[in-house]
Amino acid sequence: MIIFKIGGGQSINLKGIAEDLAALNEPKIVVHGANALRDELSEKLGISKKVVTSVSGYASVFSDSKAIDVMMMAYAGLRNKRLVELLQSQGVNAIGLSGLDGCLIQGQRNRGIRVKENGKIKILRDFSGKPRAVNKTLLTVLLEQGYLPVITVPIADENGFAINSENDDIVALLQSALQATTIVQLIEAPGFLENPSDPDSVISRLTIRELRMREQQSAGRIKRKLHALVKIFENGKPRVIIADGRVEHPVKNALNKKGTVIQ
């Protein structure tokens, strides 16, 4: 079992990914983002994106009701169905699902995000939360019947309402439930970079211990992503590959270890 996490950047080569996945005869699941498309739609609709950073140093997108609407349009709507379309055109019987569908991914809504504003601690409440459970029965049936699940947000909260969640956390939860042997993350970079501004500073290999150290030393958005990567190894010992999603053959290159391998 391989879990593919496809980044939501504008330059990700979705067509190349679809072509590569069509040639891969192994059980697989896709989890995808759509952040660039979300930002584009937000701008057209006049809805500004708000990023907040908790007192513990983790950054996230503040998800009010308007943000959830835009997310549904971008993630579960346009990006999900276009990706399914590309896969179907390559002969892959893909099925697009949000975590809300069939309660595929159920989470717990956040009680509040503790932030510091003007020297004071403030609690912000929104429609976001952590994924807690996977409808493994539904996924198993789909996989056994030859479908490729293509999954994205929103997920369902404990009362069945749509909430935003981090795809990195969803991948970690799927890994725990399905015990995938490999997780491939396709991003807008050649791999995990020592220096984010230098594309030639790819770290070819990282140990889990080194990953934990880097999480402790980081802040903001990257801290959250590193934390989710660390969680992947809490309930299994998969191989994680972070590779370039912009190249001609993103999946083939990744499986040939062209990027960063974490083990």
Protein backbone atom coordinates (compact mmCIF):
# COMPACT_ATOMS: atom_id res chain seq x y z
CA MET A 1 0.00 0.00 0.00
CA ILE A 2 1.28 3.45 -0.98
CA ILE A 3 -0.27 6.72 0.15
CA PHE A 4 0.38 9.63 -2.19
CA LYS A 5 0.02 13.16 -0.86
CA ILE A 6 -0.15 15.66 -3.70
CA GLY A 7 0.56 19.27 -2.82
CA GLY A 8 -1.83 22.02 -3.78
CA GLY A 9 0.66 24.33 -5.46
CA GLN A 10 0.00 25.83 -8.87
CA SER A 11 2.99 24.20 -10.59
CA ILE A 12 2.29 20.59 -9.54
CA ASN A 13 2.25 18.37 -12.65
CA LEU A 14 -1.11 16.65 -12.16
CA LYS A 15 -1.12 15.17 -15.66
CA GLY A 16 2.29 13.58 -15.12
CA ILE A 17 1.20 12.23 -11.76
CA ALA A 18 -1.92 10.68 -13.30
CA GLU A 19 0.14 9.05 -16.06
CA ASP A 20 2.60 7.61 -13.55
CA LEU A 21 -0.13 6.32 -11.24
CA ALA A 22 -1.78 4.55 -14.18
CA ALA A 23 1.40 2.51 -14.67
CA LEU A 24 1.70 1.58 -11.00
CA ASN A 25 0.12 -1.79 -10.21
CA GLU A 26 -0.01 -1.55 -6.45
CA PRO A 27 -2.79 -0.66 -3.96
CA LYS A 28 -2.74 3.08 -3.44
CA ILE A 29 -4.63 6.05 -2.07
CA VAL A 30 -4.29 9.71 -3.04
CA VAL A 31 -4.69 12.66 -0.69
CA HIS A 32 -4.47 16.06 -2.36
CA GLY A 33 -4.42 19.75 -1.57
CA ALA A 34 -5.57 22.83 -3.46
CA ASN A 35 -4.14 25.81 -1.61
CA ALA A 36 -3.20 27.79 -4.73
CA LEU A 37 -6.67 27.30 -6.21
CA ARG A 38 -8.27 28.21 -2.87
CA ASP A 39 -6.29 31.45 -2.73
CA GLU A 40 -7.22 32.25 -6.33
CA LEU A 41 -10.92 31.68 -5.68
CA SER A 42 -10.75 33.66 -2.43
CA GLU A 43 -9.32 36.63 -4.27
CA LYS A 44 -11.97 36.47 -6.99
CA LEU A 45 -14.72 36.24 -4.37
CA GLY A 46 -13.24 39.01 -2.25
CA ILE A 47 -12.71 36.73 0.75
CA SER A 48 -9.37 37.26 2.46
CA LYS A 49 -7.39 34.36 3.92
CA LYS A 50 -6.36 34.63 7.55
CA VAL A 51 -3.42 32.68 8.95
CA VAL A 52 -3.08 32.44 12.72
CA THR A 53 -0.19 31.13 14.82
CA SER A 54 -0.89 29.43 18.13
CA VAL A 55 1.09 30.22 21.27
CA SER A 56 2.86 26.86 20.78
CA GLY A 57 4.18 28.07 17.42
CA TYR A 58 1.95 26.19 14.95
CA ALA A 59 0.50 28.19 12.04
CA SER A 60 -2.84 27.35 10.40
CA VAL A 61 -5.50 28.88 8.16
CA PHE A 62 -8.39 30.36 10.16
CA SER A 63 -11.52 28.59 8.89
CA ASP A 64 -14.74 30.55 9.32
CA SER A 65 -17.92 29.62 7.41
CA LYS A 66 -16.89 31.58 4.29
CA ALA A 67 -13.48 29.91 4.27
CA ILE A 68 -15.16 26.49 4.47
CA ASP A 69 -17.33 27.38 1.45
CA VAL A 70 -14.28 28.38 -0.59
CA MET A 71 -12.44 25.25 0.56
CA MET A 72 -15.31 23.05 -0.62
CA MET A 73 -15.26 24.74 -4.01
CA ALA A 74 -11.49 24.49 -4.46
CA TYR A 75 -10.57 21.20 -2.76
CA ALA A 76 -13.63 18.93 -2.90
CA GLY A 77 -14.92 20.56 -6.07
CA LEU A 78 -12.67 21.76 -8.87
CA ARG A 79 -9.31 20.24 -7.91
CA ASN A 80 -10.74 16.89 -6.82
CA LYS A 81 -12.85 16.39 -9.93
CA ARG A 82 -10.16 17.57 -12.35
CA LEU A 83 -7.72 15.11 -10.80
CA VAL A 84 -10.29 12.32 -11.00
CA GLU A 85 -10.86 13.31 -14.65
CA LEU A 86 -7.13 13.06 -15.42
CA LEU A 87 -6.93 9.63 -13.77
CA GLN A 88 -10.02 8.36 -15.59
CA SER A 89 -8.52 9.52 -18.90
CA GLN A 90 -5.52 7.28 -18.10
CA GLY A 91 -7.74 4.28 -17.44
CA VAL A 92 -7.63 4.55 -13.64
CA ASN A 93 -11.04 4.07 -12.03
CA ALA A 94 -10.63 6.90 -9.54
CA ILE A 95 -13.34 8.01 -7.16
CA GLY A 96 -13.20 11.47 -5.60
CA LEU A 97 -14.19 11.81 -1.96
CA SER A 98 -13.97 14.39 0.75
CA GLY A 99 -13.54 13.24 4.32
CA LEU A 100 -17.18 14.23 4.80
CA ASP A 101 -18.47 11.65 2.28
CA GLY A 102 -19.47 8.43 3.99
CA CYS A 103 -17.85 9.91 7.11
CA LEU A 104 -14.61 8.75 5.52
CA ILE A 105 -12.49 10.86 7.86
CA GLN A 106 -14.06 11.87 11.16
CA GLY A 107 -12.43 14.43 13.39
CA GLN A 108 -12.85 16.41 16.54
CA ARG A 109 -13.52 20.09 16.22
CA ASN A 110 -11.01 22.36 17.91
CA ARG A 111 -12.21 23.92 21.12
CA GLY A 112 -10.23 27.00 20.25
CA ILE A 113 -6.85 28.23 19.04
CA ARG A 114 -4.82 29.99 21.72
CA VAL A 115 -3.09 32.97 20.14
CA LYS A 116 -1.26 35.97 21.54
CA GLU A 117 -2.44 39.39 20.39
CA ASN A 118 -1.11 42.63 21.84
CA GLY A 119 0.52 40.73 24.65
CA LYS A 120 -2.68 38.95 25.68
CA ILE A 121 -3.81 35.34 25.21
CA LYS A 122 -6.97 35.09 23.11
CA ILE A 123 -9.07 32.05 22.14
CA LEU A 124 -10.17 31.90 18.48
CA ARG A 125 -12.88 29.41 17.49
CA ASP A 126 -13.43 28.27 13.93
CA PHE A 127 -14.50 25.28 11.80
CA SER A 128 -11.28 23.29 12.05
CA GLY A 129 -10.17 20.20 13.87
CA LYS A 130 -8.01 17.11 14.09
CA PRO A 131 -8.77 13.87 12.21
CA ARG A 132 -9.43 11.04 14.67
CA ALA A 133 -10.93 8.06 12.81
CA VAL A 134 -10.98 6.51 9.34
CA ASN A 135 -13.90 4.64 7.80
CA LYS A 136 -11.62 1.71 7.03
CA THR A 137 -14.54 -0.46 5.88
CA LEU A 138 -15.43 1.99 3.11
CA LEU A 139 -11.81 2.34 1.98
CA THR A 140 -11.30 -1.43 1.99
CA VAL A 141 -14.41 -2.03 -0.13
CA LEU A 142 -13.33 0.61 -2.67
CA LEU A 143 -9.80 -0.78 -2.92
CA GLU A 144 -11.02 -4.38 -3.23
CA GLN A 145 -13.36 -3.34 -6.06
CA GLY A 146 -10.49 -1.73 -7.97
CA TYR A 147 -11.18 1.94 -7.24
CA LEU A 148 -8.51 4.52 -6.51
CA PRO A 149 -9.75 6.76 -3.66
CA VAL A 150 -8.83 10.41 -4.21
CA ILE A 151 -9.35 12.13 -0.88
CA THR A 152 -9.40 15.73 0.29
CA VAL A 153 -10.93 18.05 2.89
CA PRO A 154 -13.35 18.85 4.44
CA ILE A 155 -13.69 16.12 7.03
CA ALA A 156 -16.64 15.49 9.36
CA ASP A 157 -16.62 16.61 12.98
CA GLU A 158 -18.21 14.60 15.80
CA ASN A 159 -21.64 16.00 14.88
CA GLY A 160 -21.33 15.50 11.13
CA PHE A 161 -20.49 19.10 10.26
CA ALA A 162 -17.78 20.00 7.76
CA ILE A 163 -14.49 21.16 9.22
CA ASN A 164 -11.09 21.96 7.81
CA SER A 165 -8.11 19.85 8.74
CA GLU A 166 -4.47 19.47 7.74
CA ASN A 167 -3.84 16.95 4.96
CA ASP A 168 -0.57 16.09 6.68
CA ASP A 169 -2.56 14.94 9.73
CA ILE A 170 -4.98 13.01 7.52
CA VAL A 171 -2.07 11.16 5.90
CA ALA A 172 -0.68 10.28 9.33
CA LEU A 173 -4.09 8.92 10.37
CA LEU A 174 -4.43 6.90 7.16
CA GLN A 175 -0.98 5.45 7.73
CA SER A 176 -1.97 4.38 11.23
CA ALA A 177 -5.17 2.72 9.95
CA LEU A 178 -3.79 1.07 6.81
CA GLN A 179 -0.12 0.51 7.67
CA ALA A 180 1.12 1.67 4.27
CA THR A 181 4.68 0.64 3.45
CA THR A 182 5.44 3.88 1.60
CA ILE A 183 4.22 7.46 1.77
CA VAL A 184 5.08 9.76 -1.13
CA GLN A 185 4.72 13.52 -0.76
CA LEU A 186 4.88 15.46 -4.02
CA ILE A 187 5.66 19.13 -3.46
CA GLU A 188 6.91 22.26 -5.24
CA ALA A 189 10.56 21.57 -4.40
CA PRO A 190 13.14 18.88 -5.25
CA GLY A 191 12.79 17.48 -1.72
CA PHE A 192 13.33 18.60 1.86
CA LEU A 193 15.66 21.57 1.62
CA GLU A 194 18.33 22.54 4.14
CA ASN A 195 17.93 26.09 2.90
CA PRO A 196 14.36 26.83 1.63
CA SER A 197 15.71 29.44 -0.79
CA ASP A 198 18.30 27.08 -2.31
CA PRO A 199 16.84 24.30 -4.52
CA ASP A 200 20.25 22.60 -4.59
CA SER A 201 20.26 22.05 -0.82
CA VAL A 202 18.18 18.86 -0.91
CA ILE A 203 18.75 16.54 2.03
CA SER A 204 18.76 13.08 0.45
CA ARG A 205 18.20 11.15 3.68
CA LEU A 206 16.84 11.90 7.13
CA THR A 207 16.50 9.66 10.16
CA ILE A 208 13.44 9.86 12.41
CA ARG A 209 15.67 11.24 15.17
CA GLU A 210 16.90 14.04 12.88
CA LEU A 211 13.31 14.78 11.90
CA ARG A 212 12.30 15.22 15.55
CA MET A 213 15.22 17.55 16.15
CA ARG A 214 14.27 19.71 13.19
CA GLU A 215 10.67 19.95 14.43
CA GLN A 216 11.89 21.26 17.79
CA GLN A 217 14.04 23.87 16.08
CA SER A 218 11.40 25.14 13.63
CA ALA A 219 8.41 27.49 13.86
CA GLY A 220 5.26 28.45 11.95
CA ARG A 221 3.88 26.44 9.03
CA ILE A 222 6.94 24.19 8.63
CA LYS A 223 6.75 23.23 12.33
CA ARG A 224 3.22 21.89 11.80
CA LYS A 225 4.29 19.91 8.73
CA LEU A 226 7.29 18.41 10.52
CA HIS A 227 5.08 17.49 13.48
CA ALA A 228 2.72 15.61 11.14
CA LEU A 229 5.68 13.80 9.59
CA VAL A 230 6.87 12.72 13.03
CA LYS A 231 3.38 11.40 13.83
CA ILE A 232 3.54 9.10 10.80
CA PHE A 233 6.25 7.09 12.53
CA GLU A 234 4.40 6.80 15.85
CA ASN A 235 2.19 3.96 14.60
CA GLY A 236 4.34 2.23 12.00
CA LYS A 237 7.65 2.18 10.18
CA PRO A 238 6.94 3.28 6.61
CA ARG A 239 9.34 4.80 4.15
CA VAL A 240 8.51 8.46 3.52
CA ILE A 241 9.68 10.08 0.29
CA ILE A 242 9.43 13.83 -0.28
CA ALA A 243 9.92 14.58 -3.97
CA ASP A 244 9.35 17.11 -6.74
CA GLY A 245 5.79 17.18 -8.04
CA ARG A 246 6.62 19.55 -10.90
CA VAL A 247 8.80 17.26 -13.03
CA GLU A 248 7.77 15.16 -16.03
CA HIS A 249 7.46 11.91 -14.05
CA PRO A 250 6.83 12.86 -10.42
CA VAL A 251 5.79 9.43 -9.14
CA LYS A 252 8.45 7.46 -11.01
CA ASN A 253 11.17 9.80 -9.80
CA ALA A 254 9.95 9.64 -6.21
CA LEU A 255 9.84 5.84 -6.16
CA ASN A 256 13.38 5.88 -7.55
CA LYS A 257 14.32 7.90 -4.44
CA LYS A 258 14.94 11.19 -6.24
CA GLY A 259 14.23 13.51 -3.35
CA THR A 260 14.37 13.06 0.41
CA VAL A 261 13.93 9.62 1.98
CA ILE A 262 12.98 9.48 5.68
CA GLN A 263 13.33 6.18 7.53
